Amino acid sequence: MSTSVTDFSTCDLCDAHKGDSDGGFRVLPPLFRDFGGLTRFAGPVSTVQCLDDNSRVREAVNSPGQGRVLVVDGAGSLRRSLVGGNLGKAAQDNGWAGVLVYGAVRDAAELRACQVGIRAMALMPLPTDRRDQGLRDVPVQIEGVWVRPGDWLYADEDGIVVMTQPA
C-alpha cells in the first residue's frame, strides 16, 4: 500500500495491519485532542522526553522539521504546558508536519492558527519553568505504546497510529 503524507486513513491502516503481531504497527490510545490548524498529518518521528520543562521542545521546533512529527513525552503531566502559540508557530515555520504532546498545551486560539498538526491531552495555561532538562531522540512510551525516532506517525480525525515503515 503506497500512501502519501496526506492521503491516508488510520482506519484503513488499522484494517490492513489488524493481524500484525510483530509490534511494528501500534495504535495510540484515544487520549489526544486536536489543537492545531491541520487535523491530518503524518511523517517520520523525532522525540523529546521531558517533564514540566520544554527546553528540548523549544530546541526541536526551532530546528528544521523536514516534514517530521515531533512526539513529546511529557509523562502525561497536566501541571504545565509544553507547547504554546510561539512554539506552534515555530513548528509551522520550520517545516514540522505535526507535534504530538503526551501532556498539555496552551494558547488554543494561537495553536489553531498554526498550519501544523498539534495534538495534546488538554489545555493548561501555566507555562513551564525552563531548567534545560530533557532528552531528544530517545524511545518513549505513551500509555505503554512505544514510539521510537524514525518510526512513522499517522494522525487523522479517527486516531493516531505508529509504524516502523511508511505506509
Protein backbone atom coordinates (compact mmCIF):
# COMPACT_ATOMS: atom_id res chain seq x y z
CA MET A 1 0.00 0.00 0.00
CA SER A 2 1.51 3.34 -1.04
CA THR A 3 0.20 6.30 0.91
CA SER A 4 1.14 9.96 0.52
CA VAL A 5 1.64 12.12 3.57
CA THR A 6 -1.98 13.37 3.45
CA ASP A 7 -3.68 10.56 1.53
CA PHE A 8 -4.28 8.01 4.27
CA SER A 9 -6.90 6.82 6.70
CA THR A 10 -5.95 5.48 10.12
CA CYS A 11 -8.98 3.20 9.88
CA ASP A 12 -7.70 1.75 6.59
CA LEU A 13 -4.21 1.36 8.08
CA CYS A 14 -5.72 -0.50 11.06
CA ASP A 15 -7.71 -2.75 8.70
CA ALA A 16 -4.57 -3.52 6.71
CA HIS A 17 -2.48 -4.28 9.81
CA LYS A 18 -5.02 -5.75 12.26
CA GLY A 19 -3.40 -9.18 12.06
CA ASP A 20 0.16 -7.92 12.55
CA SER A 21 1.79 -9.41 15.62
CA ASP A 22 5.41 -8.29 15.29
CA GLY A 23 4.91 -4.96 17.11
CA GLY A 24 5.72 -2.87 14.06
CA PHE A 25 2.20 -1.41 13.92
CA ARG A 26 0.86 0.34 17.02
CA VAL A 27 -2.24 2.38 17.81
CA LEU A 28 -2.08 5.14 20.40
CA PRO A 29 -4.94 5.29 22.90
CA PRO A 30 -7.65 7.90 22.25
CA LEU A 31 -6.33 10.43 24.77
CA PHE A 32 -5.47 13.27 22.42
CA ARG A 33 -7.42 16.34 21.36
CA ASP A 34 -6.79 18.32 18.20
CA PHE A 35 -5.44 21.85 18.72
CA GLY A 36 -3.57 22.72 15.50
CA GLY A 37 -4.71 24.14 12.20
CA LEU A 38 -4.26 20.77 10.46
CA THR A 39 -6.28 17.77 11.61
CA ARG A 40 -4.44 15.31 9.36
CA PHE A 41 -0.67 14.91 9.43
CA ALA A 42 1.99 12.27 9.05
CA GLY A 43 5.73 11.90 8.94
CA PRO A 44 8.81 10.30 10.43
CA VAL A 45 9.10 10.67 14.20
CA SER A 46 11.53 12.69 16.27
CA THR A 47 11.07 12.55 20.04
CA VAL A 48 11.54 14.65 23.15
CA GLN A 49 11.25 13.23 26.66
CA CYS A 50 10.68 15.87 29.33
CA LEU A 51 8.71 16.58 32.48
CA ASP A 52 7.28 20.07 33.03
CA ASP A 53 10.27 21.63 31.18
CA ASN A 54 10.00 22.43 27.48
CA SER A 55 13.67 23.35 26.86
CA ARG A 56 14.22 20.41 24.46
CA VAL A 57 10.83 21.02 22.79
CA ARG A 58 11.86 24.60 22.02
CA GLU A 59 15.18 23.37 20.58
CA ALA A 60 13.40 20.82 18.41
CA VAL A 61 10.73 23.09 16.87
CA ASN A 62 13.34 25.77 16.22
CA SER A 63 15.35 23.29 14.13
CA PRO A 64 14.45 22.13 10.59
CA GLY A 65 11.46 19.80 10.81
CA GLN A 66 11.77 18.41 7.28
CA GLY A 67 8.22 17.06 7.41
CA ARG A 68 8.76 15.15 10.64
CA VAL A 69 6.38 14.74 13.58
CA LEU A 70 7.68 15.71 17.00
CA VAL A 71 6.42 13.34 19.71
CA VAL A 72 6.76 14.96 23.13
CA ASP A 73 6.65 12.56 26.08
CA GLY A 74 5.65 14.79 28.97
CA ALA A 75 4.75 11.71 31.05
CA GLY A 76 1.08 12.66 30.77
CA SER A 77 1.61 15.57 33.16
CA LEU A 78 -1.04 18.26 33.03
CA ARG A 79 0.74 20.52 35.54
CA ARG A 80 2.49 22.68 32.89
CA SER A 81 2.04 23.45 29.21
CA LEU A 82 4.80 22.06 26.99
CA VAL A 83 3.74 23.83 23.76
CA GLY A 84 2.10 27.21 23.26
CA GLY A 85 1.45 29.60 20.42
CA ASN A 86 5.09 30.64 19.93
CA LEU A 87 6.32 27.05 19.69
CA GLY A 88 3.39 26.09 17.44
CA LYS A 89 4.34 28.93 15.08
CA ALA A 90 8.00 27.85 15.21
CA ALA A 91 6.98 24.28 14.30
CA GLN A 92 4.97 25.60 11.35
CA ASP A 93 7.72 27.98 10.17
CA ASN A 94 10.44 25.31 10.43
CA GLY A 95 8.60 22.65 8.44
CA TRP A 96 7.33 20.24 11.09
CA ALA A 97 4.31 18.21 9.95
CA GLY A 98 2.96 17.87 13.47
CA VAL A 99 3.54 17.89 17.21
CA LEU A 100 2.03 15.26 19.50
CA VAL A 101 2.20 16.13 23.20
CA TYR A 102 1.66 13.49 25.87
CA GLY A 103 0.81 16.31 28.24
CA ALA A 104 -0.70 19.78 27.98
CA VAL A 105 -0.56 22.77 25.62
CA ARG A 106 -1.76 26.37 25.88
CA ASP A 107 -2.80 29.32 23.68
CA ALA A 108 -5.64 27.45 21.97
CA ALA A 109 -6.53 30.25 19.52
CA GLU A 110 -2.89 30.73 18.50
CA LEU A 111 -2.36 27.00 18.04
CA ARG A 112 -5.49 26.74 15.86
CA ALA A 113 -3.99 29.43 13.56
CA CYS A 114 -0.81 27.38 13.01
CA GLN A 115 -0.73 25.33 9.80
CA VAL A 116 0.68 22.29 11.56
CA GLY A 117 -0.95 19.33 13.28
CA ILE A 118 -0.95 19.67 17.07
CA ARG A 119 -2.42 17.04 19.39
CA ALA A 120 -2.28 17.02 23.17
CA MET A 121 -4.23 15.73 26.14
CA ALA A 122 -5.52 19.04 27.49
CA LEU A 123 -5.10 22.78 27.84
CA MET A 124 -3.13 24.25 30.75
CA PRO A 125 -2.39 28.00 30.79
CA LEU A 126 0.59 27.65 33.16
CA PRO A 127 3.94 27.69 31.30
CA THR A 128 6.93 25.53 32.11
CA ASP A 129 9.98 26.51 34.09
CA ARG A 130 12.93 26.09 31.74
CA ARG A 131 15.62 24.16 33.56
CA ASP A 132 17.47 22.91 30.46
CA GLN A 133 16.35 19.33 31.13
CA GLY A 134 15.02 16.57 28.90
CA LEU A 135 16.25 14.19 26.21
CA ARG A 136 15.95 14.26 22.44
CA ASP A 137 15.52 11.37 20.01
CA VAL A 138 15.17 8.59 22.54
CA PRO A 139 12.49 5.85 22.53
CA VAL A 140 9.45 6.95 24.55
CA GLN A 141 6.34 5.23 25.86
CA ILE A 142 2.86 6.67 25.70
CA GLU A 143 0.46 4.66 27.85
CA GLY A 144 2.61 1.57 27.27
CA VAL A 145 2.92 2.10 23.48
CA TRP A 146 6.50 2.52 22.27
CA VAL A 147 7.29 5.36 19.87
CA ARG A 148 10.83 5.48 18.51
CA PRO A 149 12.75 8.03 16.48
CA GLY A 150 12.43 7.09 12.81
CA ASP A 151 9.00 5.44 13.24
CA TRP A 152 6.21 6.88 11.09
CA LEU A 153 3.23 8.52 12.76
CA TYR A 154 -0.13 8.99 11.02
CA ALA A 155 -2.84 11.13 12.64
CA ASP A 156 -6.30 11.92 11.32
CA GLU A 157 -9.80 12.53 12.65
CA ASP A 158 -10.13 8.88 13.74
CA GLY A 159 -6.91 8.37 15.65
CA ILE A 160 -3.16 8.03 15.68
CA VAL A 161 -1.09 5.06 14.50
CA VAL A 162 2.65 4.44 14.59
CA MET A 163 4.52 2.16 12.19
CA THR A 164 8.13 1.16 11.74
CA GLN A 165 7.90 1.80 7.97
CA PRO A 166 5.97 4.37 5.93
CA ALA A 167 2.60 3.14 4.70
